[in-house]
Amino acid sequence: MSKLTQKAIQNSFAKLLDSKPIDRITIKDITSDCGISRNTFYYHYADLPALVEELLTDNAEELMKAYPSIDSLEECLNVGARYVLENRRAANHIYNSSHRYIYERCLTKVLRRVVAEYFEMALPAQDFSDEEREILIDYYKCLCFGIIVDWCEKGMREDYADDFHKLIELRSRMLDAGFGK
């Protein structure tokens, strides 16, 4: 029963979040929508930020299960962007709220995992020490995070894939030209 109640709370919150900014959603709105008491809400969640974090974490876990292997850095960016676009209005409401830090923490978690998956496939283990691999994973996680946050700031355009593809292409051309050596 407890998991069903949590899911009902999450579903009500997600529905409300799709229709109005998070800063205008109250606990009363959520409890009224899913037909529970305030005490029941607080039994499951300490506060609204706890609900936001669990909802985003659960969605991120589902997304990561849907992409068990990553074939390119471009796909890392695409997975992160899809995570944002699946519920664009809700993502925009969270991103442009006082709870942005939760959104960014969950996005960072998703990106770290997809970059690590990519490196598992792309970089032979014998070529880099564990410490070097962690440094590279963190670097590319931060790079992808910055690109996606910049994309969010610019309005989350649907044609993001073209820009990501161009960016990866330019990165390859720079490396081929010896930039950064």
Protein backbone atom coordinates (compact mmCIF):
# COMPACT_ATOMS: atom_id res chain seq x y z
CA MET A 1 0.00 0.00 0.00
CA SER A 2 2.82 2.40 0.87
CA LYS A 3 4.39 2.27 -2.61
CA LEU A 4 0.97 2.75 -4.20
CA THR A 5 0.39 5.86 -2.08
CA GLN A 6 3.81 7.23 -2.97
CA LYS A 7 3.11 6.65 -6.65
CA ALA A 8 -0.29 8.37 -6.32
CA ILE A 9 1.40 11.37 -4.68
CA GLN A 10 4.04 11.48 -7.41
CA ASN A 11 1.43 11.21 -10.17
CA SER A 12 -0.67 13.99 -8.66
CA PHE A 13 2.38 16.19 -8.28
CA ALA A 14 3.52 15.49 -11.86
CA LYS A 15 0.04 16.33 -13.17
CA LEU A 16 -0.02 19.59 -11.22
CA LEU A 17 3.54 20.40 -12.27
CA ASP A 18 2.57 20.06 -15.89
CA SER A 19 -0.08 22.75 -15.44
CA LYS A 20 1.57 25.31 -13.15
CA PRO A 21 4.96 26.36 -11.75
CA ILE A 22 6.26 24.40 -8.78
CA ASP A 23 6.36 27.48 -6.58
CA ARG A 24 2.55 27.70 -6.93
CA ILE A 25 1.91 24.05 -5.96
CA THR A 26 1.02 23.43 -2.33
CA ILE A 27 0.87 20.27 -0.28
CA LYS A 28 -2.89 20.88 -0.07
CA ASP A 29 -3.09 20.87 -3.91
CA ILE A 30 -1.35 17.50 -4.02
CA THR A 31 -3.35 15.90 -1.20
CA SER A 32 -6.64 17.15 -2.66
CA ASP A 33 -5.76 15.84 -6.10
CA CYS A 34 -4.90 12.34 -4.94
CA GLY A 35 -7.43 12.14 -2.09
CA ILE A 36 -5.14 11.70 0.91
CA SER A 37 -4.61 13.60 4.13
CA ARG A 38 -1.72 15.97 4.87
CA ASN A 39 -0.50 13.47 7.48
CA THR A 40 -0.33 10.77 4.83
CA PHE A 41 1.72 13.06 2.60
CA TYR A 42 4.13 13.84 5.44
CA TYR A 43 4.39 10.15 6.31
CA HIS A 44 5.91 9.60 2.87
CA TYR A 45 7.74 12.89 2.24
CA ALA A 46 9.34 15.40 4.60
CA ASP A 47 8.47 18.28 2.29
CA LEU A 48 7.98 19.30 -1.33
CA PRO A 49 11.72 19.24 -2.20
CA ALA A 50 11.87 15.61 -0.97
CA LEU A 51 9.00 14.76 -3.33
CA VAL A 52 10.69 16.57 -6.23
CA GLU A 53 13.93 14.71 -5.61
CA GLU A 54 12.29 11.30 -5.42
CA LEU A 55 10.19 11.95 -8.54
CA LEU A 56 13.21 13.08 -10.55
CA THR A 57 15.37 10.25 -9.23
CA ASP A 58 12.73 7.65 -10.10
CA ASN A 59 12.32 9.12 -13.60
CA ALA A 60 16.10 9.19 -14.05
CA GLU A 61 16.38 5.52 -13.01
CA GLU A 62 13.70 4.56 -15.55
CA LEU A 63 15.50 6.53 -18.25
CA MET A 64 18.85 4.92 -17.46
CA LYS A 65 17.29 1.46 -17.61
CA ALA A 66 15.95 2.33 -21.06
CA TYR A 67 19.52 3.05 -22.26
CA PRO A 68 21.69 0.27 -20.85
CA SER A 69 24.54 0.98 -23.30
CA ILE A 70 25.77 4.23 -24.80
CA ASP A 71 27.68 4.19 -28.10
CA SER A 72 28.95 7.77 -28.40
CA LEU A 73 29.47 11.06 -26.61
CA GLU A 74 26.68 12.46 -28.78
CA GLU A 75 24.34 9.81 -27.43
CA CYS A 76 25.31 10.86 -23.87
CA LEU A 77 24.09 14.36 -24.71
CA ASN A 78 20.97 13.04 -26.40
CA VAL A 79 20.04 10.89 -23.39
CA GLY A 80 20.44 13.90 -21.09
CA ALA A 81 18.33 16.06 -23.39
CA ARG A 82 15.63 13.40 -23.71
CA TYR A 83 15.49 13.26 -19.93
CA VAL A 84 14.62 16.95 -19.97
CA LEU A 85 12.23 16.89 -22.94
CA GLU A 86 10.10 13.92 -21.88
CA ASN A 87 8.21 16.22 -19.54
CA ARG A 88 9.25 19.57 -20.92
CA ARG A 89 6.71 21.76 -19.10
CA ALA A 90 7.39 20.08 -15.76
CA ALA A 91 11.16 20.24 -16.36
CA ASN A 92 10.86 23.92 -17.21
CA HIS A 93 8.80 24.58 -14.08
CA ILE A 94 11.40 22.86 -11.88
CA TYR A 95 14.38 24.36 -13.72
CA ASN A 96 13.02 27.90 -13.33
CA SER A 97 12.18 27.51 -9.64
CA SER A 98 13.90 27.68 -6.29
CA HIS A 99 14.26 23.88 -6.56
CA ARG A 100 16.65 24.01 -9.55
CA TYR A 101 19.42 22.47 -7.43
CA ILE A 102 17.42 19.21 -7.26
CA TYR A 103 16.96 19.20 -11.03
CA GLU A 104 20.68 19.83 -11.55
CA ARG A 105 21.69 17.13 -9.06
CA CYS A 106 19.49 14.54 -10.83
CA LEU A 107 20.73 15.62 -14.26
CA THR A 108 24.31 15.29 -13.01
CA LYS A 109 23.57 11.77 -11.75
CA VAL A 110 22.08 10.74 -15.10
CA LEU A 111 24.96 12.23 -17.07
CA ARG A 112 27.62 10.66 -14.88
CA ARG A 113 26.06 7.27 -15.34
CA VAL A 114 25.65 7.54 -19.13
CA VAL A 115 29.19 8.92 -19.57
CA ALA A 116 30.57 6.08 -17.42
CA GLU A 117 28.61 3.57 -19.54
CA TYR A 118 30.04 5.11 -22.69
CA PHE A 119 33.59 4.99 -21.33
CA GLU A 120 33.16 1.34 -20.36
CA MET A 121 32.58 0.57 -24.03
CA ALA A 122 34.83 3.15 -25.68
CA LEU A 123 37.99 3.13 -23.55
CA PRO A 124 39.89 -0.12 -23.11
CA ALA A 125 40.55 -0.63 -19.41
CA GLN A 126 44.25 -1.24 -19.92
CA ASP A 127 44.78 2.20 -21.55
CA PHE A 128 43.80 4.22 -18.46
CA SER A 129 44.13 3.74 -14.72
CA ASP A 130 40.99 3.81 -12.57
CA GLU A 131 41.95 7.29 -11.38
CA GLU A 132 42.40 8.54 -14.97
CA ARG A 133 39.07 7.05 -15.99
CA GLU A 134 37.32 8.82 -13.09
CA ILE A 135 38.93 12.13 -14.10
CA LEU A 136 37.77 11.67 -17.70
CA ILE A 137 34.26 10.65 -16.63
CA ASP A 138 33.96 13.71 -14.40
CA TYR A 139 35.29 15.99 -17.15
CA TYR A 140 32.85 14.75 -19.78
CA LYS A 141 29.97 14.67 -17.28
CA CYS A 142 30.63 18.35 -16.54
CA LEU A 143 30.97 19.13 -20.24
CA CYS A 144 27.64 17.46 -21.05
CA PHE A 145 26.01 19.11 -18.02
CA GLY A 146 27.15 22.55 -19.15
CA ILE A 147 25.90 21.97 -22.68
CA ILE A 148 22.49 20.78 -21.47
CA VAL A 149 22.09 23.59 -18.91
CA ASP A 150 22.99 26.12 -21.61
CA TRP A 151 20.40 24.48 -23.87
CA CYS A 152 17.82 24.74 -21.04
CA GLU A 153 18.66 28.42 -20.60
CA LYS A 154 18.07 28.97 -24.31
CA GLY A 155 14.55 27.50 -24.18
CA MET A 156 15.03 23.73 -24.74
CA ARG A 157 14.68 23.83 -28.51
CA GLU A 158 13.45 20.61 -30.11
CA ASP A 159 16.21 20.64 -32.75
CA TYR A 160 18.91 20.11 -30.12
CA ALA A 161 20.23 16.97 -31.83
CA ASP A 162 21.55 18.95 -34.79
CA ASP A 163 23.50 21.28 -32.49
CA PHE A 164 24.88 18.36 -30.46
CA HIS A 165 25.95 16.59 -33.64
CA LYS A 166 27.72 19.73 -34.90
CA LEU A 167 29.42 20.19 -31.55
CA ILE A 168 30.77 16.61 -31.53
CA GLU A 169 31.92 17.04 -35.13
CA LEU A 170 33.73 20.29 -34.26
CA ARG A 171 35.33 18.60 -31.24
CA SER A 172 36.67 15.83 -33.47
CA ARG A 173 38.02 18.36 -35.99
CA MET A 174 39.77 20.26 -33.20
CA LEU A 175 41.38 17.07 -31.90
CA ASP A 176 42.42 16.06 -35.42
CA ALA A 177 43.99 19.52 -35.91
CA GLY A 178 46.04 19.01 -32.74
CA PHE A 179 44.20 21.53 -30.58
CA GLY A 180 44.86 20.95 -26.92
CA LYS A 181 48.20 19.19 -27.31
